[in-house]
Protein backbone atom coordinates (compact mmCIF):
# COMPACT_ATOMS: atom_id res chain seq x y z
CA ASP A 1 117.97 263.33 255.01
CA ARG A 2 114.40 264.40 255.62
CA GLN A 3 113.15 266.84 252.93
CA GLU A 4 110.88 269.75 253.41
CA ILE A 5 107.39 269.21 252.21
CA GLN A 6 106.98 270.75 248.87
CA THR A 7 103.75 271.94 247.11
CA ALA A 8 102.97 271.03 243.37
CA ASP A 9 100.84 272.12 240.73
CA ARG A 10 99.75 268.67 240.15
CA PHE A 11 98.41 265.89 242.27
CA ILE A 12 101.37 263.46 242.05
CA ILE A 13 101.29 259.87 242.72
CA ALA A 14 104.57 258.45 242.98
CA TYR A 15 106.13 255.01 243.25
CA THR A 16 109.83 255.06 244.25
CA GLY A 17 111.69 251.53 244.46
CA THR A 18 111.48 247.97 243.24
CA LEU A 19 108.31 246.28 241.91
CA TYR A 20 108.21 242.69 242.21
CA ARG A 21 106.09 240.22 240.20
CA THR A 22 104.32 239.15 243.25
CA ASP A 23 103.11 242.83 243.65
CA ASP A 24 99.60 243.86 242.37
CA LEU A 25 98.72 247.36 241.80
CA GLN A 26 95.59 246.81 239.71
CA PRO A 27 93.04 247.23 242.49
CA PHE A 28 94.65 250.74 243.25
CA PHE A 29 94.56 251.60 239.39
CA GLN A 30 90.91 250.60 239.31
CA VAL A 31 90.18 252.93 242.04
CA LEU A 32 91.66 255.74 240.12
CA LYS A 33 89.62 254.93 237.05
CA ASP A 34 86.43 254.67 239.07
CA LEU A 35 86.96 258.03 240.58
CA ARG A 36 87.70 259.54 237.05
CA GLN A 37 84.49 258.10 235.78
CA SER A 38 82.36 259.34 238.74
CA GLY A 39 83.78 262.78 238.27
CA GLU A 40 85.49 263.02 241.46
CA VAL A 41 89.10 262.90 240.33
CA ASP A 42 90.21 264.92 236.90
CA PHE A 43 92.96 263.15 235.16
CA ARG A 44 93.99 266.57 233.87
CA ASN A 45 95.56 267.29 237.34
CA VAL A 46 97.08 263.93 238.01
CA SER A 47 100.53 262.46 237.36
CA LEU A 48 101.71 258.88 238.10
CA LEU A 49 105.44 258.74 238.19
CA TYR A 50 107.83 255.74 238.70
CA ALA A 51 111.36 256.08 239.71
CA GLY A 52 113.48 252.98 240.15
CA LYS A 53 115.05 250.11 238.53
CA THR A 54 111.89 248.03 237.49
CA SER A 55 110.23 250.25 234.83
CA GLY A 56 109.47 247.60 232.72
CA LEU A 57 107.47 245.74 235.23
CA PHE A 58 105.94 249.00 236.51
CA GLY A 59 104.85 249.96 232.92
CA GLU A 60 103.39 246.61 232.24
CA GLU A 61 101.03 247.26 235.19
CA VAL A 62 100.07 250.79 233.94
CA ARG A 63 99.36 249.56 230.25
CA GLN A 64 97.22 246.73 231.64
CA ALA A 65 95.31 249.43 233.52
CA GLY A 66 95.23 251.76 230.62
CA LEU A 67 96.62 254.55 232.56
CA GLU A 68 99.39 255.63 229.99
CA GLU A 69 98.03 259.04 229.71
CA ILE A 70 98.96 260.01 233.14
CA TYR A 71 102.20 258.09 233.35
CA THR A 72 105.78 259.15 233.51
CA ASP A 73 108.73 256.90 233.86
CA LEU A 74 111.56 258.51 235.36
CA GLY A 75 113.80 255.51 235.45
CA LEU A 76 116.59 254.93 237.91
CA VAL A 77 117.31 258.08 239.92
CA ASP A 78 119.70 258.87 242.82
CA ARG A 79 118.61 258.90 246.32
CA ASN A 80 118.36 262.70 246.68
CA GLU A 81 115.92 262.88 243.57
CA SER A 82 113.90 260.17 245.00
CA LEU A 83 113.58 261.90 248.40
CA GLN A 84 112.57 265.22 246.46
CA LEU A 85 110.07 263.37 244.52
CA GLN A 86 108.57 261.78 247.89
CA ALA A 87 108.62 265.28 249.38
CA LYS A 88 106.12 266.83 246.61
CA SER A 89 104.03 263.82 246.12
CA SER A 90 100.43 263.75 247.10
CA ILE A 91 100.23 260.06 247.48
CA LEU A 92 103.23 257.63 247.87
CA LEU A 93 102.33 254.24 246.44
CA MET A 94 104.03 251.04 247.79
CA ALA A 95 103.32 247.35 247.27
CA GLY A 96 104.16 244.21 249.05
CA TRP A 97 103.21 240.48 249.57
CA THR A 98 103.14 238.09 252.28
CA SER A 99 101.78 234.46 252.64
CA GLU A 100 102.04 231.61 255.02
CA SER A 101 105.39 230.61 253.97
CA ASP A 102 106.93 234.07 253.24
CA VAL A 103 106.09 236.49 255.78
CA VAL A 104 106.99 240.22 254.90
CA GLU A 105 106.27 243.24 257.10
CA TRP A 106 107.40 246.67 256.27
CA SER A 107 109.47 246.96 253.17
CA GLY A 108 113.02 248.88 253.37
CA LYS A 109 111.47 251.68 251.38
CA MET A 110 108.71 252.23 253.78
CA TYR A 111 111.19 253.70 256.36
CA GLU A 112 111.95 256.53 253.68
CA TYR A 113 108.01 256.89 253.26
CA MET A 114 107.54 257.30 257.12
CA MET A 115 110.17 260.09 257.15
CA ALA A 116 108.61 261.83 254.08
CA ALA A 117 105.24 262.45 256.00
CA ARG A 118 103.30 261.98 252.98
CA PRO A 119 100.13 260.01 252.48
CA VAL A 120 100.87 256.34 251.85
CA VAL A 121 98.88 253.80 249.95
CA TYR A 122 100.18 250.21 250.71
CA MET A 123 98.89 247.63 248.32
CA MET A 124 99.30 244.08 250.07
CA ASN A 125 98.94 240.97 248.01
CA THR A 126 98.39 238.55 250.66
CA THR A 127 96.68 235.27 251.84
CA ILE A 128 96.84 236.37 255.65
CA PRO A 129 94.51 239.03 256.84
CA TRP A 130 95.62 241.82 259.01
CA THR A 131 99.35 242.02 258.20
CA LEU A 132 101.73 244.50 259.88
CA PRO A 133 100.95 247.12 257.41
CA ALA A 134 97.22 246.80 257.82
CA ARG A 135 97.49 247.10 261.43
CA ASP A 136 99.59 249.93 261.81
CA MET A 137 99.28 252.05 258.63
CA HIS A 138 96.81 254.02 260.63
CA ARG A 139 99.76 255.41 262.71
CA LEU A 140 101.33 256.90 259.41
CA GLY A 141 98.20 258.51 258.44
CA GLY A 142 97.97 256.11 255.45
CA VAL A 143 95.71 253.16 254.10
CA CYS A 144 96.45 249.52 253.57
CA TYR A 145 94.55 247.48 250.80
CA GLU A 146 94.81 243.65 251.40
CA SER A 147 93.81 241.20 248.47
CA CYS A 148 92.35 238.70 250.97
CA ARG A 149 90.05 241.35 252.40
CA HIS A 150 89.32 242.83 249.30
CA GLU A 151 85.42 243.65 249.77
CA GLU A 152 86.38 245.19 253.12
CA THR A 153 89.50 247.38 252.01
CA LEU A 154 88.84 248.40 248.57
CA PRO A 155 86.14 250.88 249.79
CA GLU A 156 88.63 252.12 252.44
CA LEU A 157 91.22 252.60 249.74
CA ARG A 158 88.79 254.34 247.42
CA GLU A 159 87.51 256.86 250.14
CA TYR A 160 91.18 257.77 251.18
CA VAL A 161 92.13 258.43 247.51
CA ARG A 162 89.12 260.72 246.85
CA LYS A 163 89.61 262.56 250.44
CA MET A 164 93.55 263.12 249.58
CA TYR A 165 92.41 264.31 245.88
CA ARG A 166 89.77 266.66 247.37
CA MET A 167 92.07 268.09 250.08
CA TRP A 168 94.79 268.87 247.36
CA LYS A 169 91.93 270.27 244.87
CA GLU A 170 90.77 272.63 247.79
CA THR A 171 93.90 273.58 249.58
CA GLY A 172 96.82 272.80 247.15
CA GLN A 173 98.27 270.44 249.47
CA VAL A 174 97.70 267.17 251.51
CA ARG A 175 98.35 266.45 255.12
CA VAL A 176 98.32 263.50 257.47
CA GLU A 177 98.50 263.13 261.12
CA GLN A 178 101.31 260.59 262.22
CA ASP A 179 102.30 258.71 265.39
CA GLN A 180 105.77 260.15 265.67
CA SER A 181 106.72 257.97 268.61
CA TYR A 182 105.99 254.90 266.29
CA ILE A 183 108.00 256.30 263.50
CA ASP A 184 111.02 257.29 265.72
CA GLN A 185 111.57 253.66 266.54
CA TYR A 186 112.54 253.07 263.04
CA ARG A 187 114.86 255.81 262.70
CA TYR A 188 118.49 255.19 261.54
CA ASP A 189 120.14 256.51 264.69
CA VAL A 190 117.79 254.36 266.81
CA ILE A 191 118.35 251.17 264.96
CA ALA A 192 122.05 251.68 264.86
CA GLY A 193 122.00 252.12 268.60
CA GLN A 194 120.21 248.71 268.94
CA VAL A 195 122.63 247.06 266.68
CA TYR A 196 125.65 248.42 268.76
CA ASP A 197 124.18 247.22 272.00
CA VAL A 198 123.57 243.64 270.37
CA LEU A 199 127.33 243.75 269.37
CA ARG A 200 128.53 245.14 272.78
CA ARG A 201 126.51 242.42 274.69
CA GLU A 202 128.04 239.57 272.35
CA LEU A 203 131.67 241.04 272.79
CA ASP A 204 131.13 241.23 276.59
CA ARG A 205 129.86 237.56 276.66
CA ARG A 206 132.75 236.21 274.75
CA LYS A 207 135.06 238.25 277.27
CA SER A 208 133.53 236.42 280.14
């Protein structure tokens, strides 16, 4: 299912998938506005796209940030369209949350994002520092903001977005370096093989 990376005449920031009430994109949107104000990002070149079933919630976040001018709601699209959108995006945006009582690691959508080999910004709303995305995002060539480490991770987020935009502006594309051996452990065929081994061992145990 992996798509070839595509070039685009705009700096596309895409969120594909479900957004939840526990997610918070405002720090990312604030970074965009700050970079615009400083002249480091030109909104005439930027498109913020959403594709998924929670358009209303995502739109609320956009309106709260005052970014309607760059926003397009694509609504619910099929998987192939979603993968094509990921392939031509300059930044893939993802949000998550975790707490002491509700630990969430990679979201299911992140496995597609890994496959897309595009820059990823992961916005983690968390009371626990150094979540799995924060520890391992460098393996994907992306960046992770954590709300409980706001003062530390917001500047990292800002610099990452600035760097990706500048790369796109100068070359017409963005590139990231990924740890392919890390990503390969999440491939569908690898996971399917692991499930098969578990089932086979359980079947053998019952026979014995």
